[in-house]
Protein backbone atom coordinates (compact mmCIF):
# COMPACT_ATOMS: atom_id res chain seq x y z
CA UNK A 1 -10.46 20.90 -5.25
CA UNK A 2 -13.73 20.70 -7.03
CA UNK A 3 -15.69 18.46 -9.45
CA UNK A 4 -15.45 18.17 -13.13
CA UNK A 5 -18.27 18.63 -15.70
CA UNK A 6 -18.71 15.11 -16.76
CA UNK A 7 -21.35 15.77 -19.27
CA UNK A 8 -18.15 16.37 -21.87
CA UNK A 9 -15.26 14.58 -22.25
CA UNK A 10 -12.39 16.43 -20.30
CA UNK A 11 -8.70 15.71 -19.78
CA UNK A 12 -7.60 17.54 -16.72
CA UNK A 13 -3.65 16.98 -16.32
CA UNK A 14 -1.41 18.71 -13.67
CA UNK A 15 1.97 17.91 -12.41
CA UNK A 16 2.42 16.18 -9.06
CA UNK A 17 4.49 17.75 -6.33
CA UNK A 18 7.20 15.28 -7.40
CA UNK A 19 6.85 16.41 -11.06
CA UNK A 20 7.03 20.05 -10.09
CA UNK A 21 10.42 19.32 -8.23
CA UNK A 22 11.71 17.72 -11.27
CA UNK A 23 10.54 20.65 -13.56
CA UNK A 24 12.15 23.20 -11.14
CA UNK A 25 15.57 21.54 -11.57
CA UNK A 26 15.59 22.96 -15.02
CA UNK A 27 18.14 20.64 -16.11
CA UNK A 28 16.75 18.99 -18.95
CA UNK A 29 15.87 15.73 -16.86
CA UNK A 30 12.21 16.46 -16.65
CA UNK A 31 10.86 13.95 -19.36
CA UNK A 32 7.58 12.38 -19.19
CA UNK A 33 8.11 8.76 -20.43
CA UNK A 34 5.07 6.95 -18.75
CA UNK A 35 1.44 7.63 -17.57
CA UNK A 36 -0.90 5.78 -15.37
CA UNK A 37 -4.76 5.53 -15.13
CA UNK A 38 -6.89 5.18 -11.97
CA UNK A 39 -10.47 5.06 -10.88
CA UNK A 40 -10.22 6.41 -7.58
CA UNK A 41 -13.74 7.97 -7.58
CA UNK A 42 -15.59 4.89 -9.04
CA UNK A 43 -17.85 2.93 -6.77
CA UNK A 44 -18.47 -0.45 -8.66
CA UNK A 45 -21.01 -1.46 -6.19
CA UNK A 46 -23.41 0.78 -8.00
CA UNK A 47 -23.26 -1.53 -11.12
CA UNK A 48 -26.82 -2.82 -11.46
CA UNK A 49 -27.16 -5.91 -13.62
CA UNK A 50 -30.92 -5.90 -12.47
CA UNK A 51 -31.65 -2.33 -14.13
CA UNK A 52 -35.22 -2.55 -15.52
CA UNK A 53 -34.21 -0.58 -18.63
CA UNK A 54 -31.79 -3.41 -19.74
CA UNK A 55 -28.08 -3.92 -20.22
CA UNK A 56 -27.44 -0.49 -21.58
CA UNK A 57 -28.20 1.11 -18.24
CA UNK A 58 -26.42 -1.46 -15.95
CA UNK A 59 -23.58 1.23 -15.49
CA UNK A 60 -25.83 4.51 -15.42
CA UNK A 61 -25.22 5.27 -11.78
CA UNK A 62 -21.41 4.82 -12.35
CA UNK A 63 -21.17 7.06 -15.43
CA UNK A 64 -23.23 9.65 -13.73
CA UNK A 65 -20.78 9.91 -10.84
CA UNK A 66 -18.85 13.31 -10.33
CA UNK A 67 -15.20 13.20 -11.15
CA UNK A 68 -12.64 15.19 -8.91
CA UNK A 69 -10.45 17.81 -10.34
CA UNK A 70 -6.68 16.77 -10.52
CA UNK A 71 -4.75 17.90 -7.51
CA UNK A 72 -0.99 17.70 -6.95
CA UNK A 73 -0.81 15.64 -4.01
CA UNK A 74 0.36 12.10 -5.05
CA UNK A 75 -0.38 10.46 -1.93
CA UNK A 76 -3.92 11.39 -2.08
CA UNK A 77 -4.86 11.00 -5.56
CA UNK A 78 -4.22 8.06 -8.30
CA UNK A 79 -4.19 5.58 -5.26
CA UNK A 80 -5.91 3.03 -7.28
CA UNK A 81 -4.20 2.51 -10.74
CA UNK A 82 -5.51 0.44 -13.45
CA UNK A 83 -3.57 -2.44 -14.25
CA UNK A 84 -3.75 -5.23 -16.88
CA UNK A 85 -3.82 -8.65 -15.57
CA UNK A 86 -3.87 -12.09 -17.46
CA UNK A 87 -6.94 -13.22 -18.79
CA UNK A 88 -8.84 -15.38 -16.42
CA UNK A 89 -7.34 -13.91 -13.26
CA UNK A 90 -9.68 -14.89 -10.36
CA UNK A 91 -7.98 -13.12 -7.58
CA UNK A 92 -6.58 -9.64 -7.22
CA UNK A 93 -2.90 -9.51 -6.45
CA UNK A 94 -1.83 -8.51 -2.98
CA UNK A 95 1.59 -7.30 -1.61
CA UNK A 96 3.26 -8.94 1.26
CA UNK A 97 6.15 -6.97 2.94
CA UNK A 98 6.83 -9.57 5.64
CA UNK A 99 5.76 -6.77 8.10
CA UNK A 100 2.25 -5.28 9.14
CA UNK A 101 4.20 -2.45 10.74
CA UNK A 102 7.74 -1.33 11.11
CA UNK A 103 9.26 -0.14 14.41
CA UNK A 104 12.99 0.79 14.53
CA UNK A 105 15.27 2.27 16.99
CA UNK A 106 17.53 5.13 16.06
CA UNK A 107 20.08 4.16 13.65
CA UNK A 108 18.63 0.78 12.87
CA UNK A 109 18.59 -0.70 9.42
CA UNK A 110 16.01 -2.93 7.72
CA UNK A 111 15.75 -4.33 4.19
CA UNK A 112 12.43 -5.30 2.88
CA UNK A 113 11.72 -7.48 -0.11
CA UNK A 114 8.09 -7.21 -1.20
CA UNK A 115 6.41 -10.27 -2.59
CA UNK A 116 3.20 -10.36 -4.86
CA UNK A 117 0.69 -13.03 -3.97
CA UNK A 118 -1.94 -14.18 -6.36
CA UNK A 119 0.01 -13.08 -9.25
CA UNK A 120 0.64 -15.01 -12.53
CA UNK A 121 -0.73 -18.21 -11.00
CA UNK A 122 2.06 -18.21 -8.50
CA UNK A 123 1.58 -18.37 -4.68
CA UNK A 124 4.40 -15.83 -4.17
CA UNK A 125 6.39 -13.95 -6.91
CA UNK A 126 8.57 -10.94 -7.37
CA UNK A 127 7.51 -8.39 -10.21
CA UNK A 128 9.86 -8.16 -12.95
CA UNK A 129 9.56 -4.15 -13.08
CA UNK A 130 9.94 -3.96 -9.16
CA UNK A 131 8.09 -1.92 -6.67
CA UNK A 132 7.58 1.77 -6.15
CA UNK A 133 8.18 2.57 -2.38
CA UNK A 134 7.25 5.87 -0.88
CA UNK A 135 8.03 7.01 2.71
CA UNK A 136 5.70 9.94 3.85
CA UNK A 137 8.38 11.68 5.85
CA UNK A 138 11.96 10.83 4.79
CA UNK A 139 13.36 13.08 7.65
CA UNK A 140 12.92 10.03 9.82
CA UNK A 141 15.32 8.22 7.50
CA UNK A 142 19.05 8.44 7.41
CA UNK A 143 18.79 6.42 4.20
CA UNK A 144 15.93 5.26 2.09
CA UNK A 145 16.97 3.38 -0.90
CA UNK A 146 15.53 1.12 -3.74
CA UNK A 147 17.74 -1.56 -5.04
CA UNK A 148 17.73 -4.49 -7.72
CA UNK A 149 16.18 -2.53 -10.74
CA UNK A 150 18.65 -0.72 -13.09
CA UNK A 151 16.47 0.70 -15.59
CA UNK A 152 17.08 4.30 -16.39
CA UNK A 153 13.69 5.19 -14.99
CA UNK A 154 14.55 3.65 -11.75
CA UNK A 155 18.03 5.08 -11.69
CA UNK A 156 16.67 8.58 -12.17
CA UNK A 157 13.93 8.22 -9.59
CA UNK A 158 16.35 6.68 -6.86
CA UNK A 159 18.83 9.63 -7.43
CA UNK A 160 16.37 12.50 -6.88
CA UNK A 161 16.20 14.31 -3.65
CA UNK A 162 13.54 16.36 -2.03
CA UNK A 163 13.30 19.89 -2.18
CA UNK A 164 11.14 22.82 -0.75
CA UNK A 165 8.44 21.59 1.48
CA UNK A 166 7.95 18.06 0.26
CA UNK A 167 9.37 15.73 2.89
CA UNK A 168 8.25 12.42 1.04
CA UNK A 169 10.43 10.35 -0.95
CA UNK A 170 9.90 7.63 -3.53
CA UNK A 171 12.36 5.14 -4.66
CA UNK A 172 12.04 1.98 -7.15
CA UNK A 173 13.47 -1.51 -6.64
CA UNK A 174 12.82 -5.11 -5.83
CA UNK A 175 14.38 -4.60 -2.34
CA UNK A 176 13.89 -1.48 -0.23
CA UNK A 177 16.41 -0.53 2.46
CA UNK A 178 15.63 1.83 5.28
CA UNK A 179 17.66 3.17 7.93
CA UNK A 180 16.33 5.18 10.92
CA UNK A 181 17.40 8.59 11.60
CA UNK A 182 20.18 9.32 14.37
CA UNK A 183 19.27 13.04 14.80
CA UNK A 184 17.77 13.47 18.32
CA UNK A 185 16.55 17.18 17.64
CA UNK A 186 13.83 15.75 15.32
CA UNK A 187 12.07 14.16 18.30
CA UNK A 188 11.80 17.18 20.49
CA UNK A 189 10.06 16.08 23.61
CA UNK A 190 8.68 12.85 21.95
CA UNK A 191 9.93 9.34 22.40
CA UNK A 192 8.61 8.22 19.05
CA UNK A 193 8.32 9.55 15.53
CA UNK A 194 5.68 8.13 13.12
CA UNK A 195 5.18 8.00 9.37
CA UNK A 196 4.01 5.59 6.72
CA UNK A 197 5.61 3.31 3.99
CA UNK A 198 3.49 2.74 1.00
CA UNK A 199 4.52 0.12 -1.48
CA UNK A 200 3.07 -0.24 -5.08
CA UNK A 201 3.74 -3.26 -7.56
CA UNK A 202 4.79 -1.73 -10.93
CA UNK A 203 3.42 -4.78 -12.80
CA UNK A 204 0.38 -5.67 -10.78
CA UNK A 205 -0.61 -2.37 -9.53
CA UNK A 206 -1.31 -4.17 -5.95
CA UNK A 207 -0.70 -1.65 -3.31
CA UNK A 208 0.01 -1.51 0.48
CA UNK A 209 0.57 1.08 3.24
CA UNK A 210 2.06 0.20 6.79
CA UNK A 211 3.03 2.31 9.62
CA UNK A 212 6.51 3.16 10.39
CA UNK A 213 7.68 3.97 14.09
CA UNK A 214 11.06 5.33 15.00
CA UNK A 215 11.84 4.93 18.69
CA UNK A 216 14.27 7.46 20.24
CA UNK A 217 17.27 5.77 22.03
CA UNK A 218 18.25 7.33 25.13
CA UNK A 219 22.15 7.92 25.62
């Protein structure tokens, strides 16, 4: 990883691990149909409306910040995607999963229905396009599914499986269904396994990450 030369306009585009998996299938299914923009590196507290040189320099510090080279770990880059919100929006949308953390016993199931607060002037609403949910280590799940969105993009995403060394999995839906693993050998000498669940609203761009714990069942 390094820094880009921000004295010139540069487009630095690479495939994420998920994109490389899709390309490696070599079955014609790899098609780029959408893209996202983010501002991970930007510190907006540096915006200075009191700059002595006037309004043209308010954002001078921000514009001079170094930009990172693209790298393929989609869990570490593009976390803060840019989203278009209705004019006059006074509060940023936030996600509510109904849980601050998830703890499941082996074989136990749970369905999560995300809600987006402070969105479209409603106290609570569901996003039309649904939600992207990523489990950091899908080995801890017997099943991990996205339900309720039937677009081709969602169908394609939900039908993919992990290959190689990548153990994360991403699905799309208005409801996320999880079932904890029943495989004892994953635990080794541990009584618990831990991972994280990240959910992002496809319309609002709101994002939340919560811990997931699987407890070993003694038989």
